[in-house]
Amino acid sequence: MLLKNKRRIEKNYLILLPPQKNQEVVNKYLQLMQDPGMPSSVKSFKIYGKTTKDGTQSKSYLEVEPGKLNDAFTDLGVIMAAFLEIEGYRYEFGIALSVEESLAALQQG
């Protein structure tokens, strides 16, 4: 399968939260990153954010080790579930491919 054979896979998260919940989300994030930290299936992790009139939006990009996509979904699902106790917190996630990976997938289809 293409996704298991490529050198990297990126998962991306879009996170939305109301402005009054910012500190609660920051505290939860810091707690989760200390224990147990980012799963070993994640090679790199970047967060970008912006503030809007509706609250805070952040977009996270995680590069996953080759062959570890299922592990990453499982491990990160546990982490993301911890945030769901925060009222108004929402997130979406998906897989992002590079242009080269996308073209290769189209050629295989």
Protein backbone atom coordinates (compact mmCIF):
# COMPACT_ATOMS: atom_id res chain seq x y z
CA MET A 1 0.00 0.00 0.00
CA LEU A 2 1.29 3.46 -0.86
CA LEU A 3 0.97 4.97 2.62
CA LYS A 4 3.06 2.26 4.26
CA ASN A 5 5.84 2.43 1.69
CA LYS A 6 6.42 6.16 1.53
CA ARG A 7 9.10 7.80 3.63
CA ARG A 8 6.69 10.01 5.56
CA ILE A 9 3.06 10.71 6.20
CA GLU A 10 1.66 13.87 7.70
CA LYS A 11 -1.45 13.97 9.82
CA ASN A 12 -2.99 17.35 10.21
CA TYR A 13 -5.38 18.59 12.85
CA LEU A 14 -7.57 21.68 12.76
CA ILE A 15 -8.46 22.68 16.31
CA LEU A 16 -11.14 25.23 17.19
CA LEU A 17 -11.87 26.54 20.67
CA PRO A 18 -13.72 29.46 22.24
CA PRO A 19 -11.52 32.31 23.55
CA GLN A 20 -12.47 31.76 27.19
CA LYS A 21 -11.01 28.22 27.01
CA ASN A 22 -7.48 29.16 25.87
CA GLN A 23 -5.80 28.76 29.26
CA GLU A 24 -7.57 25.47 29.95
CA VAL A 25 -6.35 24.08 26.62
CA VAL A 26 -2.78 25.31 27.24
CA ASN A 27 -2.74 23.67 30.67
CA LYS A 28 -4.03 20.36 29.28
CA TYR A 29 -1.48 20.46 26.44
CA LEU A 30 1.43 21.05 28.81
CA GLN A 31 0.23 18.24 31.06
CA LEU A 32 -0.06 15.77 28.18
CA MET A 33 3.31 16.65 26.66
CA GLN A 34 5.08 15.94 29.96
CA ASP A 35 3.53 12.53 30.54
CA PRO A 36 3.91 10.48 28.40
CA GLY A 37 4.85 13.03 25.72
CA MET A 38 4.50 12.67 21.98
CA PRO A 39 4.21 9.03 20.80
CA SER A 40 7.31 7.43 19.27
CA SER A 41 5.43 6.98 15.98
CA VAL A 42 5.53 10.77 15.50
CA LYS A 43 8.76 11.96 13.86
CA SER A 44 8.10 15.72 14.04
CA PHE A 45 5.35 18.03 15.27
CA LYS A 46 4.57 21.64 14.35
CA ILE A 47 1.70 23.86 15.51
CA TYR A 48 0.47 27.02 13.80
CA GLY A 49 -2.26 29.18 15.30
CA LYS A 50 -4.38 32.24 14.80
CA THR A 51 -6.99 34.11 16.78
CA THR A 52 -10.35 34.97 15.23
CA LYS A 53 -13.49 36.66 16.52
CA ASP A 54 -14.88 33.18 17.23
CA GLY A 55 -11.89 31.97 19.22
CA THR A 56 -8.56 30.30 18.57
CA GLN A 57 -7.75 28.08 15.63
CA SER A 58 -4.63 25.99 15.47
CA LYS A 59 -3.36 23.69 12.78
CA SER A 60 -0.95 20.93 13.72
CA TYR A 61 1.21 18.95 11.34
CA LEU A 62 2.71 15.68 12.50
CA GLU A 63 5.18 13.70 10.45
CA VAL A 64 4.72 9.99 11.11
CA GLU A 65 7.44 7.35 10.90
CA PRO A 66 7.14 5.03 7.87
CA GLY A 67 4.79 2.11 8.55
CA LYS A 68 3.51 3.66 11.80
CA LEU A 69 0.33 5.38 10.61
CA ASN A 70 -2.03 3.02 12.46
CA ASP A 71 0.03 3.37 15.64
CA ALA A 72 -0.04 7.15 15.31
CA PHE A 73 -3.84 7.22 14.87
CA THR A 74 -4.27 5.06 17.98
CA ASP A 75 -1.77 6.97 20.14
CA LEU A 76 -2.92 10.42 19.06
CA GLY A 77 -6.58 9.49 19.44
CA VAL A 78 -5.98 8.96 23.15
CA ILE A 79 -4.26 12.35 23.44
CA MET A 80 -6.97 14.20 21.50
CA ALA A 81 -9.75 12.54 23.52
CA ALA A 82 -8.33 14.16 26.67
CA PHE A 83 -9.23 17.57 25.23
CA LEU A 84 -12.87 16.66 24.58
CA GLU A 85 -13.72 17.29 28.23
CA ILE A 86 -13.14 21.01 27.52
CA GLU A 87 -16.47 22.60 26.58
CA GLY A 88 -16.45 24.06 23.06
CA TYR A 89 -13.24 22.28 21.99
CA ARG A 90 -13.52 20.75 18.51
CA TYR A 91 -11.05 19.16 16.17
CA GLU A 92 -10.85 17.60 12.73
CA PHE A 93 -8.02 15.52 11.38
CA GLY A 94 -6.87 13.96 8.15
CA ILE A 95 -3.86 12.84 6.18
CA ALA A 96 -1.81 15.23 4.06
CA LEU A 97 0.42 13.94 1.27
CA SER A 98 3.21 15.73 -0.52
CA VAL A 99 2.72 16.49 -4.22
CA GLU A 100 4.97 13.54 -5.07
CA GLU A 101 2.98 11.19 -2.83
CA SER A 102 -0.32 12.43 -4.25
CA LEU A 103 0.84 11.89 -7.85
CA ALA A 104 2.08 8.41 -7.00
CA ALA A 105 -1.29 7.55 -5.45
CA LEU A 106 -3.11 8.79 -8.56
CA GLN A 107 -0.87 6.69 -10.81
CA GLN A 108 -1.59 3.56 -8.75
CA GLY A 109 -5.37 4.14 -8.88
